[in-house]
Protein backbone atom coordinates (compact mmCIF):
# COMPACT_ATOMS: atom_id res chain seq x y z
CA MET A 1 -61.02 -91.67 25.96
CA VAL A 2 -62.11 -89.59 22.96
CA ILE A 3 -65.18 -88.25 24.80
CA ALA A 4 -63.05 -87.40 27.85
CA GLY A 5 -60.58 -85.58 25.61
CA LEU A 6 -63.34 -83.56 23.96
CA ILE A 7 -64.84 -82.58 27.31
CA PHE A 8 -61.53 -81.60 28.91
CA GLY A 9 -60.31 -79.85 25.76
CA ASN A 10 -63.41 -77.72 25.32
CA TYR A 11 -65.52 -77.36 28.46
CA GLY A 12 -62.69 -78.11 30.89
CA ALA A 13 -60.37 -75.59 29.25
CA LYS A 14 -62.92 -72.82 29.80
CA ILE A 15 -63.46 -73.44 33.51
CA GLY A 16 -60.12 -74.85 34.67
CA MET A 17 -57.31 -73.25 32.67
CA SER A 18 -55.78 -69.80 32.69
CA PRO A 19 -54.94 -68.15 29.34
CA THR A 20 -51.23 -68.88 29.92
CA THR A 21 -51.96 -72.56 30.54
CA LYS A 22 -54.08 -72.80 27.38
CA LEU A 23 -51.34 -71.19 25.29
CA ASN A 24 -48.65 -73.49 26.70
CA ILE A 25 -50.79 -76.61 26.23
CA ASN A 26 -51.67 -75.65 22.64
CA ASN A 27 -48.00 -75.06 21.84
CA PHE A 28 -47.04 -78.37 23.45
CA TRP A 29 -49.56 -80.36 21.40
CA ASP A 30 -48.64 -78.52 18.20
CA VAL A 31 -45.02 -79.60 18.66
CA THR A 32 -46.06 -83.13 19.69
CA ALA A 33 -48.26 -83.51 16.59
CA LEU A 34 -45.39 -82.30 14.40
CA LEU A 35 -43.00 -84.81 15.99
CA ALA A 36 -45.54 -87.65 15.64
CA ASN A 37 -46.08 -86.88 11.96
CA SER A 38 -42.33 -86.64 11.40
CA ILE A 39 -41.76 -90.02 13.03
CA VAL A 40 -44.50 -91.65 10.94
CA PHE A 41 -43.06 -90.31 7.68
CA LEU A 42 -39.55 -91.29 8.78
CA MET A 43 -40.74 -94.84 9.48
CA VAL A 44 -42.52 -95.12 6.14
CA GLY A 45 -39.41 -93.73 4.43
CA LEU A 46 -37.32 -96.51 5.96
CA GLU A 47 -39.90 -99.08 4.85
CA ILE A 48 -40.33 -97.71 1.32
CA THR A 49 -36.60 -97.87 0.55
CA LYS A 50 -36.80 -101.68 0.84
CA ILE A 51 -39.64 -101.96 -1.70
CA ASN A 52 -39.14 -102.21 -5.46
CA PHE A 53 -41.39 -99.69 -7.23
CA ASN A 54 -40.65 -100.82 -10.78
CA ASP A 55 -43.82 -102.93 -11.15
CA LYS A 56 -45.98 -100.87 -8.75
CA TRP A 57 -46.62 -97.66 -10.72
CA GLY A 58 -49.82 -98.99 -12.26
CA LEU A 59 -51.12 -99.91 -8.80
CA VAL A 60 -50.19 -96.46 -7.46
CA LEU A 61 -52.00 -94.57 -10.25
CA PHE A 62 -55.04 -96.84 -9.99
CA ALA A 63 -55.23 -96.31 -6.20
CA ILE A 64 -55.05 -92.51 -6.57
CA LEU A 65 -57.75 -92.59 -9.27
CA ILE A 66 -60.04 -94.77 -7.13
CA VAL A 67 -59.63 -92.46 -4.12
CA LEU A 68 -60.44 -89.37 -6.21
CA VAL A 69 -63.51 -91.00 -7.78
CA ALA A 70 -64.77 -92.32 -4.43
CA ARG A 71 -64.28 -88.89 -2.83
CA SER A 72 -66.17 -87.20 -5.68
CA ILE A 73 -69.10 -89.61 -5.43
CA ALA A 74 -69.29 -89.19 -1.64
CA VAL A 75 -69.16 -85.38 -1.74
CA TYR A 76 -71.47 -84.68 -4.68
CA ALA A 77 -74.00 -87.35 -3.68
CA SER A 78 -74.21 -86.13 -0.07
CA LEU A 79 -74.66 -82.51 -1.17
CA LEU A 80 -77.03 -83.27 -4.04
CA PHE A 81 -80.19 -82.35 -2.14
CA THR A 82 -78.68 -79.55 -0.07
CA LYS A 83 -80.36 -76.29 -0.99
CA ASN A 84 -78.61 -72.92 -1.33
CA PHE A 85 -75.18 -74.56 -1.30
CA PRO A 86 -72.77 -72.82 -3.72
CA PHE A 87 -71.67 -75.20 -6.47
CA ALA A 88 -68.12 -73.87 -6.37
CA TRP A 89 -67.78 -74.93 -2.73
CA LYS A 90 -68.63 -78.51 -3.70
CA HIS A 91 -65.52 -78.58 -5.89
CA VAL A 92 -63.46 -77.11 -3.05
CA ILE A 93 -64.72 -79.69 -0.52
CA ASN A 94 -64.05 -82.47 -3.00
CA TRP A 95 -60.51 -81.39 -3.90
CA GLY A 96 -59.70 -80.34 -0.33
CA GLY A 97 -60.05 -83.84 1.14
CA LEU A 98 -56.39 -84.10 2.13
CA LYS A 99 -55.05 -87.35 3.55
CA GLY A 100 -52.64 -87.50 6.47
CA SER A 101 -50.35 -89.72 8.43
CA LEU A 102 -53.13 -91.76 10.08
CA SER A 103 -53.60 -94.01 7.05
CA ILE A 104 -49.84 -94.55 6.84
CA ALA A 105 -49.69 -95.40 10.56
CA LEU A 106 -52.47 -97.96 10.08
CA ALA A 107 -50.60 -99.56 7.18
CA LEU A 108 -47.37 -99.65 9.20
CA SER A 109 -49.20 -101.34 12.10
CA LEU A 110 -49.91 -104.41 9.97
CA PRO A 111 -47.72 -107.42 10.90
CA ARG A 112 -44.79 -108.08 8.55
CA ASN A 113 -46.13 -111.51 7.58
CA PHE A 114 -49.44 -109.98 6.46
CA GLU A 115 -50.05 -110.82 2.81
CA GLY A 116 -50.07 -107.69 0.65
CA ARG A 117 -48.56 -105.47 3.36
CA GLU A 118 -46.08 -103.90 0.95
CA ASP A 119 -48.82 -103.11 -1.57
CA LEU A 120 -51.00 -101.49 1.09
CA LEU A 121 -48.06 -99.48 2.39
CA ILE A 122 -47.23 -98.24 -1.12
CA ILE A 123 -50.88 -97.35 -1.79
CA ALA A 124 -51.24 -95.46 1.50
CA PHE A 125 -47.96 -93.59 1.06
CA SER A 126 -48.66 -92.70 -2.59
CA VAL A 127 -52.19 -91.44 -1.93
CA VAL A 128 -51.03 -89.33 1.03
CA LEU A 129 -48.07 -87.95 -0.94
CA PHE A 130 -50.30 -87.07 -3.92
CA SER A 131 -52.83 -85.48 -1.57
CA LEU A 132 -50.35 -83.35 0.35
CA ILE A 133 -48.23 -82.22 -2.61
CA PHE A 134 -50.53 -82.04 -5.62
CA GLN A 135 -53.90 -81.33 -3.99
CA GLY A 136 -52.42 -79.28 -1.16
CA LEU A 137 -50.43 -76.99 -3.45
CA SER A 138 -53.23 -76.61 -6.00
CA ILE A 139 -56.07 -75.76 -3.58
CA LYS A 140 -55.21 -72.05 -3.45
CA PRO A 141 -55.16 -71.62 -7.26
CA LEU A 142 -58.45 -73.54 -7.38
CA LEU A 143 -60.02 -71.13 -4.87
CA SER A 144 -58.89 -68.19 -6.99
CA PHE A 145 -60.12 -69.81 -10.21
CA LEU A 146 -63.56 -70.52 -8.72
CA GLY A 147 -63.72 -67.06 -7.13
CA VAL A 148 -64.42 -68.52 -3.70
CA ASN A 149 -61.79 -66.48 -1.87
CA LYS A 150 -62.72 -63.25 -3.60
CA LYS A 151 -63.63 -60.78 -0.86
CA GLU A 152 -65.83 -57.73 -1.07
CA GLU A 153 -64.39 -54.24 -0.89
CA GLY A 154 -63.61 -53.19 2.65
CA ILE A 155 -64.10 -56.71 4.03
CA LYS A 156 -60.50 -56.98 5.29
CA GLU A 157 -60.75 -53.74 7.26
CA TYR A 158 -64.19 -54.80 8.51
CA GLU A 159 -62.85 -58.14 9.78
CA GLU A 160 -59.90 -56.43 11.48
CA ILE A 161 -62.28 -54.11 13.36
CA ILE A 162 -64.46 -57.07 14.36
CA ALA A 163 -61.43 -59.04 15.55
CA ARG A 164 -59.99 -56.17 17.58
CA GLY A 165 -63.38 -55.33 19.07
CA TYR A 166 -63.89 -58.91 20.17
CA ARG A 167 -60.37 -59.00 21.64
CA TYR A 168 -60.99 -55.86 23.66
CA GLU A 169 -64.40 -57.07 24.86
CA MET A 170 -62.84 -60.34 26.06
CA ALA A 171 -60.02 -58.40 27.72
CA LEU A 172 -62.51 -56.20 29.59
CA SER A 173 -64.48 -59.24 30.68
CA GLU A 174 -61.30 -60.97 31.90
CA ILE A 175 -60.13 -57.86 33.82
CA LYS A 176 -63.47 -57.56 35.61
CA THR A 177 -63.59 -61.28 36.42
CA ILE A 178 -60.00 -61.40 37.72
CA SER A 179 -60.52 -58.21 39.71
CA LYS A 180 -63.41 -59.84 41.59
CA LYS A 181 -61.68 -63.18 42.11
CA LEU A 182 -58.37 -61.72 43.31
CA PHE A 183 -59.91 -58.76 45.18
CA ILE A 184 -58.03 -56.23 43.04
CA SER A 185 -59.14 -52.69 43.85
CA GLU A 186 -61.18 -50.66 41.37
CA VAL A 187 -58.49 -47.97 41.35
CA ALA A 188 -55.93 -50.44 39.99
CA ALA A 189 -58.29 -51.81 37.34
CA LYS A 190 -59.95 -48.53 36.36
CA GLU A 191 -57.07 -47.27 34.21
CA LEU A 192 -56.98 -50.44 32.12
CA ILE A 193 -60.77 -50.52 31.79
CA THR A 194 -60.80 -46.89 30.64
CA GLN A 195 -58.09 -47.64 28.10
CA TYR A 196 -60.04 -50.54 26.58
CA ASP A 197 -63.28 -48.53 26.61
CA GLN A 198 -61.54 -45.81 24.61
CA GLU A 199 -60.24 -48.39 22.14
CA LEU A 200 -63.75 -49.80 21.70
CA SER A 201 -65.16 -46.32 21.19
CA SER A 202 -62.52 -45.63 18.54
CA LEU A 203 -63.34 -48.91 16.77
CA GLN A 204 -67.05 -48.04 16.82
CA LYS A 205 -66.30 -44.75 15.02
CA LYS A 206 -64.17 -46.57 12.47
CA MET A 207 -67.01 -49.05 11.88
CA GLU A 208 -69.48 -46.21 11.31
CA GLN A 209 -67.12 -44.61 8.78
CA LEU A 210 -66.71 -47.98 7.07
CA PHE A 211 -70.49 -48.38 6.82
CA LYS A 212 -70.77 -44.99 5.14
CA LYS A 213 -68.08 -45.96 2.65
CA TYR A 214 -69.36 -49.52 2.07
CA PRO A 215 -73.14 -49.78 2.79
CA ASP A 216 -73.11 -53.49 1.89
CA LEU A 217 -71.17 -54.25 5.08
CA LYS A 218 -73.94 -52.71 7.17
CA GLU A 219 -76.48 -54.87 5.36
CA LYS A 220 -74.28 -57.90 6.10
CA GLN A 221 -74.33 -57.18 9.84
CA GLN A 222 -78.07 -56.58 9.77
CA SER A 223 -78.52 -59.90 7.98
CA VAL A 224 -76.55 -61.68 10.71
CA LEU A 225 -78.67 -60.00 13.41
CA GLN A 226 -81.91 -60.92 11.62
CA ARG A 227 -80.84 -64.55 11.30
CA HIS A 228 -79.95 -64.84 15.00
CA ALA A 229 -83.16 -63.04 15.95
CA LEU A 230 -85.14 -65.65 13.99
CA TYR A 231 -83.20 -68.45 15.71
CA ALA A 232 -84.14 -66.90 19.07
CA GLN A 233 -87.79 -66.76 18.00
CA HIS A 234 -87.64 -70.46 17.07
CA GLU A 235 -86.24 -71.31 20.51
CA ALA A 236 -88.94 -69.19 22.17
CA VAL A 237 -91.68 -71.16 20.43
CA GLU A 238 -89.99 -74.43 21.48
CA LYS A 239 -89.98 -73.23 25.09
CA LEU A 240 -93.70 -72.39 24.94
CA ILE A 241 -94.45 -75.90 23.66
CA LYS A 242 -92.44 -77.53 26.45
CA GLU A 243 -94.22 -75.44 29.07
CA ASP A 244 -97.59 -76.38 27.53
CA VAL A 245 -98.51 -72.74 26.89
CA ILE A 246 -99.39 -73.16 23.20
CA SER A 247 -100.60 -76.09 21.12
CA TYR A 248 -98.49 -78.01 18.61
CA GLU A 249 -100.72 -76.72 15.81
CA VAL A 250 -99.95 -73.08 16.64
CA ALA A 251 -96.27 -73.89 17.22
CA GLU A 252 -95.98 -75.57 13.81
CA ARG A 253 -97.55 -72.54 12.12
CA GLU A 254 -95.12 -70.21 13.91
CA HIS A 255 -92.16 -72.43 13.03
CA ASN A 256 -93.17 -72.43 9.36
CA GLN A 257 -93.32 -68.64 9.33
CA ILE A 258 -89.86 -68.43 10.90
CA THR A 259 -88.45 -70.99 8.43
CA ASP A 260 -89.92 -69.11 5.46
CA ARG A 261 -88.28 -65.89 6.63
CA LEU A 262 -84.94 -67.67 7.07
CA VAL A 263 -85.17 -69.07 3.53
CA ARG A 264 -85.97 -65.62 2.11
CA LEU A 265 -83.06 -64.18 4.07
CA ASP A 266 -80.66 -66.76 2.61
CA GLU A 267 -81.90 -66.08 -0.89
């Protein structure tokens, strides 16, 4: 069921859904998810009111502490040998491990005669509540304190140009595709195509002006191009191996050169 959902939601959406259908389906599932979460928290609220918390505060604090420690060990241990990974991001990943309604739903699904059901329900609810309120509200100040969300000068304008350019490119592609499928005449589509071409040309001029003002942004784009070019070279070598054009010895040497250049680029 999960695999089918992933296939239909990703590949199937591209080949079998119109933009309007995608938008409507996304809105439907957003509302459905909100309702499901609301129902879960309503159910746990009804359950929690029947439980006496007076002797449970120690258990609640201990559960929250254990979850935080376990999360820290899992995150820092798994990223210990990862090279070129910013240390500040490790703190963000650790503190950003928010818990949701799934754990509460699992606790609620336990039969009422299950021994320790109330304790598990309290633990799940308390950890989720702590996660959503305390961790959720403090993640933005943490990002600012660590300087993770600090953006370079001109980056906002740069991203806006990139976003609009991509939108217009996709719009042009969609117009041309629909025109062929629905046999729409070139005369009808030409005006729209010209309009988007002019918008793209205007964005290109803005990008050039931005590069003159902030040369670092140009270097950033060149870095992205270099990285993807190296990925393409790696795939080309793999293809030559599969087609038995070059030996594994030569391929390994070429791969090492590509990897070294990628490492230098990251540094």
